[in-house]
Amino acid sequence: MQDIITGASVLVTGGTGSFGKKLVGHLLRNYATERLIIFSRDELKQMEMQHEFALTDHPCLRYFIGDVRDRDRLYRAFDGVDVVVHAAALKQVPTAEYNPLETIKTNVMGAANVIDAAIDRKVGRVIALSTDKAANPINLYGATKLCSDKLFVAANHYSRWHSTRFSVVRYGNVVGSRGSVVPFFRRLRPTGRLPITDPRMTRFWITLDQGVDFVLNCLQRMEGGEIYVPKIPSMRIVDLARALAPECDLQVVGIRPGEKLHEVMVPEDDARNALEFGDCYAILPTFPDWSVSEYRVRNGGTPCSDGFSYSSDRNDLWLTSEALLAMIEG
């Protein structure tokens, strides 16, 4: 990682979000970047973030107001940038359903703008954050992120003469992030009752620290066009509720529109082009600009078996209540 991050100019879109703040803190503690640029549209969040990461303490920091919808602003922000981590998105499922065009403008057109600016400004590597909801999507948010994933994978074809590489990281629910079920259940705990959509429902779980480590690891190993999926544990929502509030009654309210019973991160059809590693799966591009056989020689990896899919209900790793509470406290 020292060869990629140390001495480089790194820009994080959505840099004031849960993931962005965690990534910025990690980079400031562990790497000597030349510039570390927080790109986001919310001046209040940037002001609050400057209280935690002050310019006087971290002279490499740059706070840049901008929106990924604004192509010209991205061109200015990407000037001289070596690495981009694209974390900006509209990600609330109900909000996306009610405001579909706004979600498309940010998640799809914003991704296209990031790609164009990165190629034309000669950025070296771009890694985009995706979601488990992009695999076999049934809601608009998932559909826009699937489209975004496709754009970033395909971008390697028309960036080949510019040396910009694009890859994607796809992972599940982040424990304790804004909008997640953990703080929601904690707010409702004093009422003595927690709503459960379906007792059978399962989800993948990951911490912000694990997400940051995985993204930085993938930045190092990416060839261009891969969709990386970490191996992370599953847990039933009902078990999560009982771990957080064992004294509460559970009320089954039914699955909400746009919600799945179980999440999938590597669908069966994608698994035909996927390799399994010790820590993750890598869905390879259908038309790579590099040799898959040479890629396997360098990186290893075993082809996924016929009929394989990576879903939260058929996972080999399961969270216990104790492990979940340890993740939250950590």
C-alpha atoms as a PDB file:
ATOM      1  CA  MET A   1       0.000   0.000   0.000  1.00  0.00           C
ATOM      2  CA  GLN A   2       2.888   2.392   0.590  1.00  0.00           C
ATOM      3  CA  ASP A   3       3.563   2.505  -3.164  1.00  0.00           C
ATOM      4  CA  ILE A   4      -0.031   3.557  -3.910  1.00  0.00           C
ATOM      5  CA  ILE A   5      -1.021   5.881  -1.053  1.00  0.00           C
ATOM      6  CA  THR A   6       2.162   7.362   0.410  1.00  0.00           C
ATOM      7  CA  GLY A   7       3.053  10.584  -1.357  1.00  0.00           C
ATOM      8  CA  ALA A   8      -0.109  10.397  -3.492  1.00  0.00           C
ATOM      9  CA  SER A   9      -3.045  12.767  -3.861  1.00  0.00           C
ATOM     10  CA  VAL A  10      -6.186  10.923  -2.740  1.00  0.00           C
ATOM     11  CA  LEU A  11      -9.767  12.168  -3.202  1.00  0.00           C
ATOM     12  CA  VAL A  12     -12.854  10.718  -1.498  1.00  0.00           C
ATOM     13  CA  THR A  13     -16.271  11.544  -2.937  1.00  0.00           C
ATOM     14  CA  GLY A  14     -18.912  11.491  -0.230  1.00  0.00           C
ATOM     15  CA  GLY A  15     -16.032  12.167   2.114  1.00  0.00           C
ATOM     16  CA  THR A  16     -18.221  13.388   4.996  1.00  0.00           C
ATOM     17  CA  GLY A  17     -20.343  10.202   5.101  1.00  0.00           C
ATOM     18  CA  SER A  18     -19.867   7.336   7.553  1.00  0.00           C
ATOM     19  CA  PHE A  19     -17.407   5.481   5.324  1.00  0.00           C
ATOM     20  CA  GLY A  20     -15.637   8.623   4.128  1.00  0.00           C
ATOM     21  CA  LYS A  21     -14.903   9.878   7.640  1.00  0.00           C
ATOM     22  CA  LYS A  22     -13.616   6.486   8.731  1.00  0.00           C
ATOM     23  CA  LEU A  23     -11.384   6.220   5.638  1.00  0.00           C
ATOM     24  CA  VAL A  24      -9.998   9.730   6.113  1.00  0.00           C
ATOM     25  CA  GLY A  25      -9.156   9.029   9.750  1.00  0.00           C
ATOM     26  CA  HIS A  26      -7.431   5.772   8.805  1.00  0.00           C
ATOM     27  CA  LEU A  27      -5.347   7.439   6.076  1.00  0.00           C
ATOM     28  CA  LEU A  28      -4.316  10.308   8.365  1.00  0.00           C
ATOM     29  CA  ARG A  29      -3.149   7.882  11.043  1.00  0.00           C
ATOM     30  CA  ASN A  30      -1.342   5.390   8.824  1.00  0.00           C
ATOM     31  CA  TYR A  31      -0.221   7.050   5.579  1.00  0.00           C
ATOM     32  CA  ALA A  32       1.614  10.192   4.531  1.00  0.00           C
ATOM     33  CA  THR A  33      -0.463  11.449   1.616  1.00  0.00           C
ATOM     34  CA  GLU A  34       0.564  14.546  -0.296  1.00  0.00           C
ATOM     35  CA  ARG A  35      -3.066  15.687  -0.435  1.00  0.00           C
ATOM     36  CA  LEU A  36      -6.212  14.163   1.011  1.00  0.00           C
ATOM     37  CA  ILE A  37      -9.311  15.747  -0.502  1.00  0.00           C
ATOM     38  CA  ILE A  38     -12.775  15.462   1.042  1.00  0.00           C
ATOM     39  CA  PHE A  39     -15.289  16.065  -1.755  1.00  0.00           C
ATOM     40  CA  SER A  40     -18.920  16.472  -0.648  1.00  0.00           C
ATOM     41  CA  ARG A  41     -21.887  18.788  -1.096  1.00  0.00           C
ATOM     42  CA  ASP A  42     -22.773  19.487   2.561  1.00  0.00           C
ATOM     43  CA  GLU A  43     -20.937  22.486   4.010  1.00  0.00           C
ATOM     44  CA  LEU A  44     -22.289  21.806   7.522  1.00  0.00           C
ATOM     45  CA  LYS A  45     -20.885  18.264   7.553  1.00  0.00           C
ATOM     46  CA  GLN A  46     -17.564  19.582   6.274  1.00  0.00           C
ATOM     47  CA  MET A  47     -17.463  22.190   9.040  1.00  0.00           C
ATOM     48  CA  GLU A  48     -18.230  19.524  11.647  1.00  0.00           C
ATOM     49  CA  MET A  49     -15.581  17.246  10.159  1.00  0.00           C
ATOM     50  CA  GLN A  50     -12.995  20.032  10.402  1.00  0.00           C
ATOM     51  CA  HIS A  51     -13.514  20.045  14.177  1.00  0.00           C
ATOM     52  CA  GLU A  52     -12.362  16.423  14.196  1.00  0.00           C
ATOM     53  CA  PHE A  53      -9.721  16.683  11.459  1.00  0.00           C
ATOM     54  CA  ALA A  54      -8.436  20.248  11.585  1.00  0.00           C
ATOM     55  CA  LEU A  55      -6.376  21.756   8.777  1.00  0.00           C
ATOM     56  CA  THR A  56      -3.845  23.035  11.298  1.00  0.00           C
ATOM     57  CA  ASP A  57      -3.189  19.478  12.507  1.00  0.00           C
ATOM     58  CA  HIS A  58      -3.352  17.886   9.058  1.00  0.00           C
ATOM     59  CA  PRO A  59      -1.961  20.243   6.383  1.00  0.00           C
ATOM     60  CA  CYS A  60      -2.490  17.607   3.672  1.00  0.00           C
ATOM     61  CA  LEU A  61      -6.283  17.948   3.987  1.00  0.00           C
ATOM     62  CA  ARG A  62      -8.444  19.810   1.478  1.00  0.00           C
ATOM     63  CA  TYR A  63     -12.176  20.336   1.975  1.00  0.00           C
ATOM     64  CA  PHE A  64     -13.838  20.672  -1.408  1.00  0.00           C
ATOM     65  CA  ILE A  65     -17.544  21.568  -1.777  1.00  0.00           C
ATOM     66  CA  GLY A  66     -19.042  19.867  -4.827  1.00  0.00           C
ATOM     67  CA  ASP A  67     -21.598  17.403  -6.160  1.00  0.00           C
ATOM     68  CA  VAL A  68     -20.850  14.399  -8.367  1.00  0.00           C
ATOM     69  CA  ARG A  69     -23.720  15.618 -10.574  1.00  0.00           C
ATOM     70  CA  ASP A  70     -21.563  18.635 -11.479  1.00  0.00           C
ATOM     71  CA  ARG A  71     -19.149  17.406 -14.126  1.00  0.00           C
ATOM     72  CA  ASP A  72     -17.158  20.649 -14.315  1.00  0.00           C
ATOM     73  CA  ARG A  73     -16.622  20.711 -10.570  1.00  0.00           C
ATOM     74  CA  LEU A  74     -15.278  17.152 -10.662  1.00  0.00           C
ATOM     75  CA  TYR A  75     -12.819  18.141 -13.390  1.00  0.00           C
ATOM     76  CA  ARG A  76     -11.491  20.903 -11.146  1.00  0.00           C
ATOM     77  CA  ALA A  77     -11.349  18.660  -8.054  1.00  0.00           C
ATOM     78  CA  PHE A  78      -9.588  15.775  -9.868  1.00  0.00           C
ATOM     79  CA  ASP A  79      -6.737  17.950 -11.128  1.00  0.00           C
ATOM     80  CA  GLY A  80      -3.497  16.273 -10.024  1.00  0.00           C
ATOM     81  CA  VAL A  81      -5.280  13.455  -8.167  1.00  0.00           C
ATOM     82  CA  ASP A  82      -3.749   9.950  -8.190  1.00  0.00           C
ATOM     83  CA  VAL A  83      -6.413   7.847  -6.412  1.00  0.00           C
ATOM     84  CA  VAL A  84     -10.187   8.311  -6.141  1.00  0.00           C
ATOM     85  CA  VAL A  85     -12.456   6.432  -3.734  1.00  0.00           C
ATOM     86  CA  HIS A  86     -16.020   6.979  -4.923  1.00  0.00           C
ATOM     87  CA  ALA A  87     -18.356   6.719  -1.931  1.00  0.00           C
ATOM     88  CA  ALA A  88     -20.954   9.373  -2.810  1.00  0.00           C
ATOM     89  CA  ALA A  89     -24.494   8.025  -3.324  1.00  0.00           C
ATOM     90  CA  LEU A  90     -28.150   8.365  -2.440  1.00  0.00           C
ATOM     91  CA  LYS A  91     -28.681   5.077  -0.607  1.00  0.00           C
ATOM     92  CA  GLN A  92     -31.943   5.134   1.371  1.00  0.00           C
ATOM     93  CA  VAL A  93     -34.295   2.630  -0.290  1.00  0.00           C
ATOM     94  CA  PRO A  94     -37.613   4.445   0.473  1.00  0.00           C
ATOM     95  CA  THR A  95     -36.121   7.800  -0.554  1.00  0.00           C
ATOM     96  CA  ALA A  96     -34.968   6.329  -3.864  1.00  0.00           C
ATOM     97  CA  GLU A  97     -38.405   4.869  -4.576  1.00  0.00           C
ATOM     98  CA  TYR A  98     -40.081   8.230  -3.962  1.00  0.00           C
ATOM     99  CA  ASN A  99     -37.415  10.286  -5.790  1.00  0.00           C
ATOM    100  CA  PRO A 100     -36.282   8.038  -8.655  1.00  0.00           C
ATOM    101  CA  LEU A 101     -34.881  10.681 -10.996  1.00  0.00           C
ATOM    102  CA  GLU A 102     -32.871  12.320  -8.223  1.00  0.00           C
ATOM    103  CA  THR A 103     -31.373   8.950  -7.339  1.00  0.00           C
ATOM    104  CA  ILE A 104     -30.509   8.270 -10.986  1.00  0.00           C
ATOM    105  CA  LYS A 105     -28.844  11.694 -11.315  1.00  0.00           C
ATOM    106  CA  THR A 106     -26.549  11.011  -8.361  1.00  0.00           C
ATOM    107  CA  ASN A 107     -25.920   7.269  -8.545  1.00  0.00           C
ATOM    108  CA  VAL A 108     -25.808   6.779 -12.325  1.00  0.00           C
ATOM    109  CA  MET A 109     -25.018  10.111 -13.957  1.00  0.00           C
ATOM    110  CA  GLY A 110     -22.739  10.984 -11.051  1.00  0.00           C
ATOM    111  CA  ALA A 111     -20.808   7.752 -11.663  1.00  0.00           C
ATOM    112  CA  ALA A 112     -20.473   8.638 -15.359  1.00  0.00           C
ATOM    113  CA  ASN A 113     -19.138  12.073 -14.410  1.00  0.00           C
ATOM    114  CA  VAL A 114     -16.578  10.548 -12.038  1.00  0.00           C
ATOM    115  CA  ILE A 115     -15.406   8.212 -14.814  1.00  0.00           C
ATOM    116  CA  ASP A 116     -15.026  10.978 -17.411  1.00  0.00           C
ATOM    117  CA  ALA A 117     -13.220  13.298 -15.013  1.00  0.00           C
ATOM    118  CA  ALA A 118     -10.888  10.528 -13.835  1.00  0.00           C
ATOM    119  CA  ILE A 119      -9.884   9.554 -17.376  1.00  0.00           C
ATOM    120  CA  ASP A 120      -9.403  13.095 -18.654  1.00  0.00           C
ATOM    121  CA  ARG A 121      -7.507  14.210 -15.528  1.00  0.00           C
ATOM    122  CA  LYS A 122      -5.311  11.082 -15.718  1.00  0.00           C
ATOM    123  CA  VAL A 123      -6.213   9.671 -12.303  1.00  0.00           C
ATOM    124  CA  GLY A 124      -4.325   6.401 -11.736  1.00  0.00           C
ATOM    125  CA  ARG A 125      -6.885   4.278  -9.843  1.00  0.00           C
ATOM    126  CA  VAL A 126     -10.567   4.627  -9.042  1.00  0.00           C
ATOM    127  CA  ILE A 127     -12.437   2.266  -6.752  1.00  0.00           C
ATOM    128  CA  ALA A 128     -16.204   2.621  -6.334  1.00  0.00           C
ATOM    129  CA  LEU A 129     -18.305   1.461  -3.385  1.00  0.00           C
ATOM    130  CA  SER A 130     -21.328  -0.657  -4.258  1.00  0.00           C
ATOM    131  CA  THR A 131     -23.898  -2.619  -2.246  1.00  0.00           C
ATOM    132  CA  ASP A 132     -25.362  -6.095  -1.923  1.00  0.00           C
ATOM    133  CA  LYS A 133     -28.603  -4.575  -3.235  1.00  0.00           C
ATOM    134  CA  ALA A 134     -26.950  -4.205  -6.661  1.00  0.00           C
ATOM    135  CA  ALA A 135     -27.000  -7.996  -7.117  1.00  0.00           C
ATOM    136  CA  ASN A 136     -30.317  -9.086  -8.671  1.00  0.00           C
ATOM    137  CA  PRO A 137     -31.866  -5.741  -7.645  1.00  0.00           C
ATOM    138  CA  ILE A 138     -35.560  -5.416  -6.784  1.00  0.00           C
ATOM    139  CA  ASN A 139     -35.557  -1.732  -5.776  1.00  0.00           C
ATOM    140  CA  LEU A 140     -34.461   1.429  -7.547  1.00  0.00           C
ATOM    141  CA  TYR A 141     -31.469   2.017  -5.299  1.00  0.00           C
ATOM    142  CA  GLY A 142     -30.100  -1.429  -6.136  1.00  0.00           C
ATOM    143  CA  ALA A 143     -30.835  -0.921  -9.835  1.00  0.00           C
ATOM    144  CA  THR A 144     -28.936   2.385  -9.923  1.00  0.00           C
ATOM    145  CA  LYS A 145     -25.963   0.842  -8.145  1.00  0.00           C
ATOM    146  CA  LEU A 146     -25.954  -2.099 -10.555  1.00  0.00           C
ATOM    147  CA  CYS A 147     -25.911   0.396 -13.420  1.00  0.00           C
ATOM    148  CA  SER A 148     -23.090   2.273 -11.700  1.00  0.00           C
ATOM    149  CA  ASP A 149     -21.127  -0.981 -11.285  1.00  0.00           C
ATOM    150  CA  LYS A 150     -21.527  -1.721 -14.990  1.00  0.00           C
ATOM    151  CA  LEU A 151     -20.304   1.771 -15.885  1.00  0.00           C
ATOM    152  CA  PHE A 152     -17.165   1.438 -13.769  1.00  0.00           C
ATOM    153  CA  VAL A 153     -16.357  -2.018 -15.144  1.00  0.00           C
ATOM    154  CA  ALA A 154     -16.874  -0.886 -18.748  1.00  0.00           C
ATOM    155  CA  ALA A 155     -14.859   2.297 -18.170  1.00  0.00           C
ATOM    156  CA  ASN A 156     -11.669   0.226 -18.377  1.00  0.00           C
ATOM    157  CA  HIS A 157     -12.275  -0.299 -22.107  1.00  0.00           C
ATOM    158  CA  TYR A 158     -12.155   3.348 -23.076  1.00  0.00           C
ATOM    159  CA  SER A 159      -9.548   4.335 -20.490  1.00  0.00           C
ATOM    160  CA  ARG A 160      -6.924   1.840 -21.666  1.00  0.00           C
ATOM    161  CA  TRP A 161      -4.941   4.526 -23.541  1.00  0.00           C
ATOM    162  CA  HIS A 162      -5.057   6.795 -20.488  1.00  0.00           C
ATOM    163  CA  SER A 163      -3.883   4.190 -17.916  1.00  0.00           C
ATOM    164  CA  THR A 164      -6.786   4.825 -15.510  1.00  0.00           C
ATOM    165  CA  ARG A 165      -8.022   1.665 -13.772  1.00  0.00           C
ATOM    166  CA  PHE A 166     -11.518   1.220 -12.357  1.00  0.00           C
ATOM    167  CA  SER A 167     -12.798  -1.456  -9.971  1.00  0.00           C
ATOM    168  CA  VAL A 168     -15.726  -1.914  -7.589  1.00  0.00           C
ATOM    169  CA  VAL A 169     -16.124  -3.104  -3.993  1.00  0.00           C
ATOM    170  CA  ARG A 170     -19.481  -4.626  -3.023  1.00  0.00           C
ATOM    171  CA  TYR A 171     -20.342  -5.425   0.593  1.00  0.00           C
ATOM    172  CA  GLY A 172     -23.314  -5.748   2.938  1.00  0.00           C
ATOM    173  CA  ASN A 173     -24.857  -3.829   5.827  1.00  0.00           C
ATOM    174  CA  VAL A 174     -22.479  -1.740   7.913  1.00  0.00           C
ATOM    175  CA  VAL A 175     -22.916  -2.188  11.663  1.00  0.00           C
ATOM    176  CA  GLY A 176     -23.805   1.110  13.316  1.00  0.00           C
ATOM    177  CA  SER A 177     -23.641   3.319  10.206  1.00  0.00           C
ATOM    178  CA  ARG A 178     -26.151   6.118   9.707  1.00  0.00           C
ATOM    179  CA  GLY A 179     -29.483   4.642   8.639  1.00  0.00           C
ATOM    180  CA  SER A 180     -28.665   1.081   9.718  1.00  0.00           C
ATOM    181  CA  VAL A 181     -30.964  -1.060  11.833  1.00  0.00           C
ATOM    182  CA  VAL A 182     -28.646  -1.084  14.879  1.00  0.00           C
ATOM    183  CA  PRO A 183     -29.155   2.571  15.933  1.00  0.00           C
ATOM    184  CA  PHE A 184     -32.830   2.215  14.932  1.00  0.00           C
ATOM    185  CA  PHE A 185     -33.340  -0.686  17.340  1.00  0.00           C
ATOM    186  CA  ARG A 186     -31.434   1.152  20.060  1.00  0.00           C
ATOM    187  CA  ARG A 187     -33.722   4.176  19.742  1.00  0.00           C
ATOM    188  CA  LEU A 188     -36.786   1.932  20.071  1.00  0.00           C
ATOM    189  CA  ARG A 189     -35.454  -0.139  22.968  1.00  0.00           C
ATOM    190  CA  PRO A 190     -37.034   2.070  25.689  1.00  0.00           C
ATOM    191  CA  THR A 191     -40.480   1.397  24.171  1.00  0.00           C
ATOM    192  CA  GLY A 192     -40.161  -2.324  24.952  1.00  0.00           C
ATOM    193  CA  ARG A 193     -41.077  -3.368  21.409  1.00  0.00           C
ATOM    194  CA  LEU A 194     -39.028  -3.812  18.220  1.00  0.00           C
ATOM    195  CA  PRO A 195     -40.542  -4.215  14.726  1.00  0.00           C
ATOM    196  CA  ILE A 196     -39.312  -7.265  12.765  1.00  0.00           C
ATOM    197  CA  THR A 197     -40.109  -7.502   9.071  1.00  0.00           C
ATOM    198  CA  ASP A 198     -39.791 -11.309   8.871  1.00  0.00           C
ATOM    199  CA  PRO A 199     -38.289 -13.804  11.373  1.00  0.00           C
ATOM    200  CA  ARG A 200     -36.509 -15.605   8.511  1.00  0.00           C
ATOM    201  CA  MET A 201     -34.748 -12.497   7.160  1.00  0.00           C
ATOM    202  CA  THR A 202     -30.935 -12.593   7.016  1.00  0.00           C
ATOM    203  CA  ARG A 203     -28.313  -9.984   6.183  1.00  0.00           C
ATOM    204  CA  PHE A 204     -24.551  -9.742   5.693  1.00  0.00           C
ATOM    205  CA  TRP A 205     -22.721  -7.621   8.297  1.00  0.00           C
ATOM    206  CA  ILE A 206     -19.437  -5.718   8.238  1.00  0.00           C
ATOM    207  CA  THR A 207     -17.880  -2.978  10.370  1.00  0.00           C
ATOM    208  CA  LEU A 208     -16.677   0.354   8.984  1.00  0.00           C
ATOM    209  CA  ASP A 209     -13.097  -0.528   9.914  1.00  0.00           C
ATOM    210  CA  GLN A 210     -13.357  -3.809   8.008  1.00  0.00           C
ATOM    211  CA  GLY A 211     -14.847  -1.973   5.027  1.00  0.00           C
ATOM    212  CA  VAL A 212     -12.007   0.554   4.973  1.00  0.00           C
ATOM    213  CA  ASP A 213      -9.339  -2.161   5.240  1.00  0.00           C
ATOM    214  CA  PHE A 214     -10.971  -4.124   2.431  1.00  0.00           C
ATOM    215  CA  VAL A 215     -11.224  -1.120   0.101  1.00  0.00           C
ATOM    216  CA  LEU A 216      -7.565  -0.232   0.623  1.00  0.00           C
ATOM    217  CA  ASN A 217      -6.566  -3.856   0.064  1.00  0.00           C
ATOM    218  CA  CYS A 218      -8.518  -3.939  -3.202  1.00  0.00           C
ATOM    219  CA  LEU A 219      -6.870  -0.692  -4.325  1.00  0.00           C
ATOM    220  CA  GLN A 220      -3.570  -2.517  -4.130  1.00  0.00           C
ATOM    221  CA  ARG A 221      -4.624  -5.732  -5.868  1.00  0.00           C
ATOM    222  CA  MET A 222      -6.968  -4.375  -8.589  1.00  0.00           C
ATOM    223  CA  GLU A 223      -6.150  -4.952 -12.226  1.00  0.00           C
ATOM    224  CA  GLY A 224      -9.193  -3.089 -13.526  1.00  0.00           C
ATOM    225  CA  GLY A 225     -12.798  -4.249 -13.966  1.00  0.00           C
ATOM    226  CA  GLU A 226     -13.113  -6.560 -10.940  1.00  0.00           C
ATOM    227  CA  ILE A 227     -16.035  -6.439  -8.524  1.00  0.00           C
ATOM    228  CA  TYR A 228     -14.620  -7.465  -5.140  1.00  0.00           C
ATOM    229  CA  VAL A 229     -16.893  -9.065  -2.527  1.00  0.00           C
ATOM    230  CA  PRO A 230     -15.522  -9.708   0.992  1.00  0.00           C
ATOM    231  CA  LYS A 231     -16.262 -12.880   2.914  1.00  0.00           C
ATOM    232  CA  ILE A 232     -18.271 -11.567   5.862  1.00  0.00           C
ATOM    233  CA  PRO A 233     -20.695 -13.155   8.342  1.00  0.00           C
ATOM    234  CA  SER A 234     -24.487 -13.325   8.197  1.00  0.00           C
ATOM    235  CA  MET A 235     -27.052 -12.958  10.943  1.00  0.00           C
ATOM    236  CA  ARG A 236     -30.810 -13.243  11.191  1.00  0.00           C
ATOM    237  CA  ILE A 237     -32.486  -9.908  11.923  1.00  0.00           C
ATOM    238  CA  VAL A 238     -34.492 -11.508  14.704  1.00  0.00           C
ATOM    239  CA  ASP A 239     -31.273 -12.713  16.394  1.00  0.00           C
ATOM    240  CA  LEU A 240     -29.788  -9.237  16.025  1.00  0.00           C
ATOM    241  CA  ALA A 241     -32.853  -7.731  17.743  1.00  0.00           C
ATOM    242  CA  ARG A 242     -32.632 -10.212  20.606  1.00  0.00           C
ATOM    243  CA  ALA A 243     -28.918  -9.497  21.038  1.00  0.00           C
ATOM    244  CA  LEU A 244     -29.464  -5.728  21.192  1.00  0.00           C
ATOM    245  CA  ALA A 245     -32.609  -5.742  23.342  1.00  0.00           C
ATOM    246  CA  PRO A 246     -33.275  -9.153  24.924  1.00  0.00           C
ATOM    247  CA  GLU A 247     -36.008  -7.724  27.140  1.00  0.00           C
ATOM    248  CA  CYS A 248     -38.092  -6.329  24.238  1.00  0.00           C
ATOM    249  CA  ASP A 249     -41.083  -7.923  22.549  1.00  0.00           C
ATOM    250  CA  LEU A 250     -40.697  -8.526  18.800  1.00  0.00           C
ATOM    251  CA  GLN A 251     -43.544  -7.466  16.524  1.00  0.00           C
ATOM    252  CA  VAL A 252     -43.629  -8.948  13.009  1.00  0.00           C
ATOM    253  CA  VAL A 253     -44.680  -6.144  10.619  1.00  0.00           C
ATOM    254  CA  GLY A 254     -44.008  -7.719   7.198  1.00  0.00           C
ATOM    255  CA  ILE A 255     -41.396  -7.101   4.511  1.00  0.00           C
ATOM    256  CA  ARG A 256     -41.344  -3.536   3.183  1.00  0.00           C
ATOM    257  CA  PRO A 257     -41.614  -2.764  -0.543  1.00  0.00           C
ATOM    258  CA  GLY A 258     -38.240  -3.123  -2.251  1.00  0.00           C
ATOM    259  CA  GLU A 259     -36.841  -5.415   0.458  1.00  0.00           C
ATOM    260  CA  LYS A 260     -35.513  -8.953   0.068  1.00  0.00           C
ATOM    261  CA  LEU A 261     -35.805 -11.848   2.478  1.00  0.00           C
ATOM    262  CA  HIS A 262     -32.113 -12.648   1.933  1.00  0.00           C
ATOM    263  CA  GLU A 263     -29.342 -10.654   0.278  1.00  0.00           C
ATOM    264  CA  VAL A 264     -27.066 -11.936  -2.497  1.00  0.00           C
ATOM    265  CA  MET A 265     -23.624 -10.527  -3.266  1.00  0.00           C
ATOM    266  CA  VAL A 266     -22.458 -12.995  -5.933  1.00  0.00           C
ATOM    267  CA  PRO A 267     -25.438 -14.190  -8.010  1.00  0.00           C
ATOM    268  CA  GLU A 268     -25.218 -17.587  -9.690  1.00  0.00           C
ATOM    269  CA  ASP A 269     -24.865 -16.064 -13.156  1.00  0.00           C
ATOM    270  CA  ASP A 270     -21.991 -13.815 -12.031  1.00  0.00           C
ATOM    271  CA  ALA A 271     -20.282 -16.702 -10.238  1.00  0.00           C
ATOM    272  CA  ARG A 272     -19.362 -18.197 -13.634  1.00  0.00           C
ATOM    273  CA  ASN A 273     -16.841 -15.348 -13.989  1.00  0.00           C
ATOM    274  CA  ALA A 274     -15.785 -15.252 -10.326  1.00  0.00           C
ATOM    275  CA  LEU A 275     -12.677 -16.385  -8.494  1.00  0.00           C
ATOM    276  CA  GLU A 276     -12.597 -17.311  -4.816  1.00  0.00           C
ATOM    277  CA  PHE A 277      -9.751 -16.084  -2.623  1.00  0.00           C
ATOM    278  CA  GLY A 278      -9.114 -16.624   1.065  1.00  0.00           C
ATOM    279  CA  ASP A 279     -10.703 -13.309   2.061  1.00  0.00           C
ATOM    280  CA  CYS A 280     -13.036 -12.519  -0.817  1.00  0.00           C
ATOM    281  CA  TYR A 281     -14.590 -13.269  -4.192  1.00  0.00           C
ATOM    282  CA  ALA A 282     -13.648 -11.354  -7.329  1.00  0.00           C
ATOM    283  CA  ILE A 283     -16.180 -11.140 -10.159  1.00  0.00           C
ATOM    284  CA  LEU A 284     -14.032 -10.676 -13.245  1.00  0.00           C
ATOM    285  CA  PRO A 285     -15.147  -8.557 -16.204  1.00  0.00           C
ATOM    286  CA  THR A 286     -16.767 -10.399 -19.103  1.00  0.00           C
ATOM    287  CA  PHE A 287     -14.375  -8.789 -21.607  1.00  0.00           C
ATOM    288  CA  PRO A 288     -11.154  -8.037 -19.699  1.00  0.00           C
ATOM    289  CA  ASP A 289      -8.319  -6.070 -21.290  1.00  0.00           C
ATOM    290  CA  TRP A 290      -5.844  -8.364 -19.541  1.00  0.00           C
ATOM    291  CA  SER A 291      -5.121 -12.083 -19.431  1.00  0.00           C
ATOM    292  CA  VAL A 292      -7.221 -14.000 -16.910  1.00  0.00           C
ATOM    293  CA  SER A 293      -4.680 -16.832 -16.853  1.00  0.00           C
ATOM    294  CA  GLU A 294      -1.833 -14.419 -16.049  1.00  0.00           C
ATOM    295  CA  TYR A 295      -4.061 -12.766 -13.438  1.00  0.00           C
ATOM    296  CA  ARG A 296      -4.535 -16.148 -11.734  1.00  0.00           C
ATOM    297  CA  VAL A 297      -0.799 -16.850 -11.835  1.00  0.00           C
ATOM    298  CA  ARG A 298      -0.101 -13.539 -10.085  1.00  0.00           C
ATOM    299  CA  ASN A 299      -3.004 -13.519  -7.637  1.00  0.00           C
ATOM    300  CA  GLY A 300      -4.096 -17.129  -7.277  1.00  0.00           C
ATOM    301  CA  GLY A 301      -7.815 -17.730  -6.839  1.00  0.00           C
ATOM    302  CA  THR A 302     -10.060 -20.700  -7.521  1.00  0.00           C
ATOM    303  CA  PRO A 303     -12.972 -20.586  -9.988  1.00  0.00           C
ATOM    304  CA  CYS A 304     -16.337 -20.807  -8.241  1.00  0.00           C
ATOM    305  CA  SER A 305     -18.157 -24.099  -8.694  1.00  0.00           C
ATOM    306  CA  ASP A 306     -21.077 -24.490 -11.071  1.00  0.00           C
ATOM    307  CA  GLY A 307     -24.314 -23.286  -9.483  1.00  0.00           C
ATOM    308  CA  PHE A 308     -22.546 -21.351  -6.727  1.00  0.00           C
ATOM    309  CA  SER A 309     -24.009 -18.151  -5.292  1.00  0.00           C
ATOM    310  CA  TYR A 310     -22.992 -16.137  -2.258  1.00  0.00           C
ATOM    311  CA  SER A 311     -26.134 -15.300  -0.291  1.00  0.00           C
ATOM    312  CA  SER A 312     -26.777 -14.319   3.322  1.00  0.00           C
ATOM    313  CA  ASP A 313     -28.927 -17.392   4.051  1.00  0.00           C
ATOM    314  CA  ARG A 314     -26.388 -19.921   2.695  1.00  0.00           C
ATOM    315  CA  ASN A 315     -23.285 -18.407   4.235  1.00  0.00           C
ATOM    316  CA  ASP A 316     -20.606 -20.482   5.977  1.00  0.00           C
ATOM    317  CA  LEU A 317     -19.947 -17.656   8.458  1.00  0.00           C
ATOM    318  CA  TRP A 318     -22.573 -16.688  11.079  1.00  0.00           C
ATOM    319  CA  LEU A 319     -22.461 -14.040  13.772  1.00  0.00           C
ATOM    320  CA  THR A 320     -23.188 -14.979  17.354  1.00  0.00           C
ATOM    321  CA  SER A 321     -24.832 -12.458  19.656  1.00  0.00           C
ATOM    322  CA  GLU A 322     -21.532 -12.013  21.479  1.00  0.00           C
ATOM    323  CA  ALA A 323     -19.648 -11.394  18.242  1.00  0.00           C
ATOM    324  CA  LEU A 324     -22.219  -8.847  17.101  1.00  0.00           C
ATOM    325  CA  LEU A 325     -22.002  -6.905  20.355  1.00  0.00           C
ATOM    326  CA  ALA A 326     -18.207  -6.969  20.119  1.00  0.00           C
ATOM    327  CA  MET A 327     -18.424  -5.547  16.571  1.00  0.00           C
ATOM    328  CA  ILE A 328     -20.703  -2.753  17.765  1.00  0.00           C
ATOM    329  CA  GLU A 329     -18.532  -1.881  20.742  1.00  0.00           C
ATOM    330  CA  GLY A 330     -15.425  -1.979  18.554  1.00  0.00           C
END
